[in-house]
Amino acid sequence: MSTQHTPGPWAIATYGQHEDGDPKFYGILRGDITIANLGMSERKQDRARHEANARLIAAAPDLLQSLQAIVARSEEHTSELQ
């Protein structure tokens, strides 16, 4: 399988601050380069969702690596059974 994405690791950055201290929006970084920005929300109830999305996106390279290992292991076992 060939991938066409920025290699990991990716990290989360926060930008700006609401009056209550919550970040205004999130970015995804590889080193010091921003590779994605997530939308900003003034609504308090949306902020946890934005943070959760940022964490999920930042974990994508690790998740991909884990899934590729599972597929490879599965293929090994399948060939052993044949």
Protein backbone atom coordinates (compact mmCIF):
# COMPACT_ATOMS: atom_id res chain seq x y z
CA MET A 1 0.00 0.00 0.00
CA SER A 2 1.34 3.40 -0.96
CA THR A 3 0.53 6.48 1.11
CA GLN A 4 0.43 10.04 -0.06
CA HIS A 5 0.41 12.01 3.16
CA THR A 6 2.82 13.96 5.32
CA PRO A 7 4.69 11.41 7.43
CA GLY A 8 4.29 11.51 11.20
CA PRO A 9 4.65 12.21 13.94
CA TRP A 10 2.01 14.88 14.03
CA ALA A 11 1.28 17.11 17.01
CA ILE A 12 -1.48 19.47 18.09
CA ALA A 13 -0.98 23.21 18.39
CA THR A 14 -3.43 25.67 19.88
CA TYR A 15 -3.91 29.22 18.68
CA GLY A 16 -5.53 32.19 20.33
CA GLN A 17 -7.53 32.09 23.52
CA HIS A 18 -11.12 32.65 24.47
CA GLU A 19 -11.80 34.71 27.59
CA ASP A 20 -12.17 31.50 29.60
CA GLY A 21 -8.73 30.25 28.48
CA ASP A 22 -9.94 27.68 25.93
CA PRO A 23 -8.03 27.69 22.63
CA LYS A 24 -9.73 29.49 19.74
CA PHE A 25 -8.64 26.88 17.21
CA TYR A 26 -6.31 23.95 16.70
CA GLY A 27 -3.60 23.19 14.21
CA ILE A 28 -1.86 19.95 13.29
CA LEU A 29 1.92 20.22 13.04
CA ARG A 30 4.79 18.15 11.76
CA GLY A 31 7.77 19.69 13.45
CA ASP A 32 7.30 23.42 13.08
CA ILE A 33 5.22 23.18 9.89
CA THR A 34 1.43 23.46 10.07
CA ILE A 35 -0.16 20.77 7.92
CA ALA A 36 -3.81 21.39 8.87
CA ASN A 37 -6.00 23.88 10.71
CA LEU A 38 -9.30 23.07 12.35
CA GLY A 39 -12.22 25.46 12.44
CA MET A 40 -12.80 27.92 15.20
CA SER A 41 -15.95 28.09 17.26
CA GLU A 42 -17.25 30.71 19.60
CA ARG A 43 -19.71 28.19 21.04
CA LYS A 44 -18.41 26.55 24.22
CA GLN A 45 -20.26 23.30 23.47
CA ASP A 46 -18.34 22.89 20.17
CA ARG A 47 -14.88 23.28 21.66
CA ALA A 48 -14.56 19.76 23.09
CA ARG A 49 -15.49 18.35 19.69
CA HIS A 50 -12.82 20.46 17.99
CA GLU A 51 -10.21 19.24 20.47
CA ALA A 52 -11.29 15.61 19.99
CA ASN A 53 -11.05 16.01 16.21
CA ALA A 54 -7.58 17.53 16.53
CA ARG A 55 -6.42 14.60 18.69
CA LEU A 56 -7.83 12.07 16.22
CA ILE A 57 -6.22 13.78 13.23
CA ALA A 58 -2.86 14.07 15.02
CA ALA A 59 -3.00 10.33 15.78
CA ALA A 60 -3.65 9.38 12.13
CA PRO A 61 -0.06 8.38 11.22
CA ASP A 62 0.19 6.13 14.29
CA LEU A 63 -3.23 4.63 13.59
CA LEU A 64 -2.24 3.93 9.99
CA GLN A 65 0.97 2.24 11.09
CA SER A 66 -0.95 0.06 13.56
CA LEU A 67 -3.53 -0.93 10.95
CA GLN A 68 -0.81 -1.79 8.44
CA ALA A 69 0.83 -4.04 11.06
CA ILE A 70 -2.51 -5.76 11.71
CA VAL A 71 -3.07 -6.34 7.98
CA ALA A 72 0.45 -7.70 7.53
CA ARG A 73 0.04 -10.06 10.48
CA SER A 74 -3.36 -11.16 9.20
CA GLU A 75 -1.90 -11.89 5.77
CA GLU A 76 0.87 -13.96 7.39
CA HIS A 77 -1.68 -16.08 9.24
CA THR A 78 -3.85 -16.45 6.15
CA SER A 79 -0.93 -17.75 4.10
CA GLU A 80 -0.01 -20.16 6.92
CA LEU A 81 -3.50 -21.66 6.78
CA GLN A 82 -3.43 -22.28 3.05
